[in-house]
Each structure stands twice: as structure tokens, then as C-alpha cells.
Amino acid sequence: MNAETLAAAYVAAWNETDPARRRTLVEKTFSGAVSYVDPVMAGDGHDGVDALISGVHQKFPGFRFTLLPGANGYGKHIRFSWELGPEGGEAPIQGADVGVIEDGRFARIIGFLHRVPA
């Protein structure tokens, strides 16, 4: 397992704004039975994750996820940190995700938010 490569694919899916291209990335990056949960949202399966990503783009138009250095993992587990903000500007949102990888794709993700605007 290459944690950096998996985390980069994850962030690419979350950054994709074109629905058809995003769906392709979601299906490639997440298992069909994926489960995602963080303090403010949750979703299951490709449809659920795709809807979560679409919701983030609607709530934060023009914002992009940036993968922070230091993605790591062992066995089937991966951990990485990210920021979300306007491209080229300061990111007001920061968090980290922990995932379980099965057959090269994310099967479970738990998200943690470290910095969120008031």
C-alpha cells in the first residue's frame, strides 16, 4: 500500500467538480460498500460519497482540498491530513481522515475536523 498515492486519489475525487468525472473517480477510489462518517456528515456506497462531495462543492464553491505531507499507513489502515480553502488562499478548514483499504480502495473512512470557521 502506498499511502501517499491512495490519499492523493482520495483528494482528487473530493476536488472533482464535474459530476461524470467525479463519479468515475469515486468508483475507482472507494469500494461499492464504502462507509464515510465525520462530525457533520455521513454517507454509504458510491451514491452516498458522491452526494457528500457534491454537497461540499455546493457549500464551499471554489474551495479545493490540499493533501498535507505525511500520509502514512500500515496493513489495511491509512491516515492523512488535508486542508480545504480557496485556491491560492488560506484554508479555513483543516482535518484528517483515517481509512481502511480493501482491494486497493477505501472501504471505511472516519473524518476528523481540526479547524473549522465559527
Protein backbone atom coordinates (compact mmCIF):
# COMPACT_ATOMS: atom_id res chain seq x y z
CA MET A 1 0.00 0.00 0.00
CA ASN A 2 1.32 3.41 -0.96
CA ALA A 3 -0.34 5.83 1.46
CA GLU A 4 0.60 8.96 -0.50
CA THR A 5 -0.86 7.58 -3.74
CA LEU A 6 -4.10 6.46 -2.08
CA ALA A 7 -4.50 9.77 -0.23
CA ALA A 8 -3.84 11.72 -3.45
CA ALA A 9 -6.54 9.71 -5.27
CA TYR A 10 -8.95 10.39 -2.40
CA VAL A 11 -8.30 14.15 -2.53
CA ALA A 12 -8.64 14.14 -6.34
CA ALA A 13 -12.11 12.59 -6.04
CA TRP A 14 -13.13 15.22 -3.47
CA ASN A 15 -11.81 18.02 -5.70
CA GLU A 16 -13.60 16.93 -8.89
CA THR A 17 -16.50 19.25 -9.74
CA ASP A 18 -17.65 17.59 -12.98
CA PRO A 19 -20.30 15.04 -11.93
CA ALA A 20 -19.39 12.40 -14.55
CA ARG A 21 -15.64 12.60 -13.91
CA ARG A 22 -16.25 12.65 -10.16
CA ARG A 23 -18.40 9.52 -10.35
CA THR A 24 -15.62 7.71 -12.23
CA LEU A 25 -13.10 8.74 -9.55
CA VAL A 26 -15.48 7.74 -6.74
CA GLU A 27 -15.96 4.28 -8.24
CA LYS A 28 -12.20 3.87 -8.74
CA THR A 29 -11.23 5.17 -5.28
CA PHE A 30 -13.99 3.85 -2.99
CA SER A 31 -15.41 0.34 -2.65
CA GLY A 32 -19.07 -0.11 -3.52
CA ALA A 33 -19.85 -0.71 0.15
CA VAL A 34 -17.82 2.26 1.43
CA SER A 35 -18.90 3.89 4.68
CA TYR A 36 -17.94 7.52 5.43
CA VAL A 37 -18.54 9.43 8.65
CA ASP A 38 -17.24 12.68 10.15
CA PRO A 39 -18.64 15.06 12.79
CA VAL A 40 -21.01 16.80 10.34
CA MET A 41 -21.94 14.25 7.66
CA ALA A 42 -22.14 10.58 6.77
CA GLY A 43 -22.78 8.54 3.65
CA ASP A 44 -22.61 4.98 2.38
CA GLY A 45 -21.83 3.50 -1.01
CA HIS A 46 -20.81 5.29 -4.17
CA ASP A 47 -24.05 7.31 -4.23
CA GLY A 48 -23.61 8.43 -0.64
CA VAL A 49 -19.99 9.53 -1.03
CA ASP A 50 -20.73 11.23 -4.34
CA ALA A 51 -23.58 13.16 -2.67
CA LEU A 52 -21.29 14.22 0.19
CA ILE A 53 -18.67 15.52 -2.22
CA SER A 54 -21.31 17.38 -4.24
CA GLY A 55 -22.62 18.93 -1.03
CA VAL A 56 -19.17 20.21 -0.07
CA HIS A 57 -18.82 21.84 -3.51
CA GLN A 58 -22.23 23.48 -3.12
CA LYS A 59 -21.47 24.76 0.38
CA PHE A 60 -17.92 25.91 -0.43
CA PRO A 61 -17.85 26.90 -4.12
CA GLY A 62 -14.32 27.40 -5.42
CA PHE A 63 -12.70 25.68 -2.44
CA ARG A 64 -10.16 22.91 -3.03
CA PHE A 65 -8.76 20.17 -0.83
CA THR A 66 -4.98 20.10 -0.43
CA LEU A 67 -3.27 16.96 0.82
CA LEU A 68 -0.81 17.82 3.58
CA PRO A 69 2.54 16.00 3.76
CA GLY A 70 2.85 12.90 5.87
CA ALA A 71 0.24 10.40 4.70
CA ASN A 72 1.07 7.05 6.25
CA GLY A 73 -0.38 3.68 6.93
CA TYR A 74 0.18 0.07 7.83
CA GLY A 75 -1.64 -3.10 6.94
CA LYS A 76 -5.09 -2.03 5.72
CA HIS A 77 -5.08 1.32 7.54
CA ILE A 78 -4.24 4.78 6.23
CA ARG A 79 -4.10 8.21 7.86
CA PHE A 80 -3.64 11.58 6.19
CA SER A 81 -4.33 15.27 6.77
CA TRP A 82 -5.81 17.88 4.46
CA GLU A 83 -6.90 21.48 4.20
CA LEU A 84 -9.93 22.97 2.44
CA GLY A 85 -9.92 26.53 1.20
CA PRO A 86 -9.90 28.83 -1.79
CA GLU A 87 -7.24 28.01 -4.35
CA GLY A 88 -4.17 30.12 -3.62
CA GLY A 89 -5.62 31.42 -0.34
CA GLU A 90 -5.51 30.48 3.31
CA ALA A 91 -7.51 27.35 4.12
CA PRO A 92 -10.06 27.97 6.89
CA ILE A 93 -10.82 24.25 7.29
CA GLN A 94 -8.34 21.54 8.25
CA GLY A 95 -8.82 17.91 9.14
CA ALA A 96 -7.56 14.37 8.94
CA ASP A 97 -9.05 11.12 7.74
CA VAL A 98 -8.41 7.54 8.77
CA GLY A 99 -9.40 4.83 6.35
CA VAL A 100 -9.49 1.10 5.87
CA ILE A 101 -8.33 -0.11 2.47
CA GLU A 102 -9.76 -3.25 0.90
CA ASP A 103 -8.72 -4.42 -2.57
CA GLY A 104 -6.89 -1.14 -3.16
CA ARG A 105 -9.91 1.09 -2.44
CA PHE A 106 -11.30 2.92 0.58
CA ALA A 107 -13.85 0.74 2.37
CA ARG A 108 -14.32 2.82 5.53
CA ILE A 109 -13.39 6.40 6.34
CA ILE A 110 -13.60 8.30 9.60
CA GLY A 111 -13.00 12.03 9.25
CA PHE A 112 -11.81 14.40 11.96
CA LEU A 113 -12.07 18.18 11.79
CA HIS A 114 -9.21 20.12 13.38
CA ARG A 115 -10.05 23.67 12.33
CA VAL A 116 -13.49 24.90 11.26
CA PRO A 117 -14.64 28.52 10.98
CA ALA A 118 -17.11 29.69 13.62
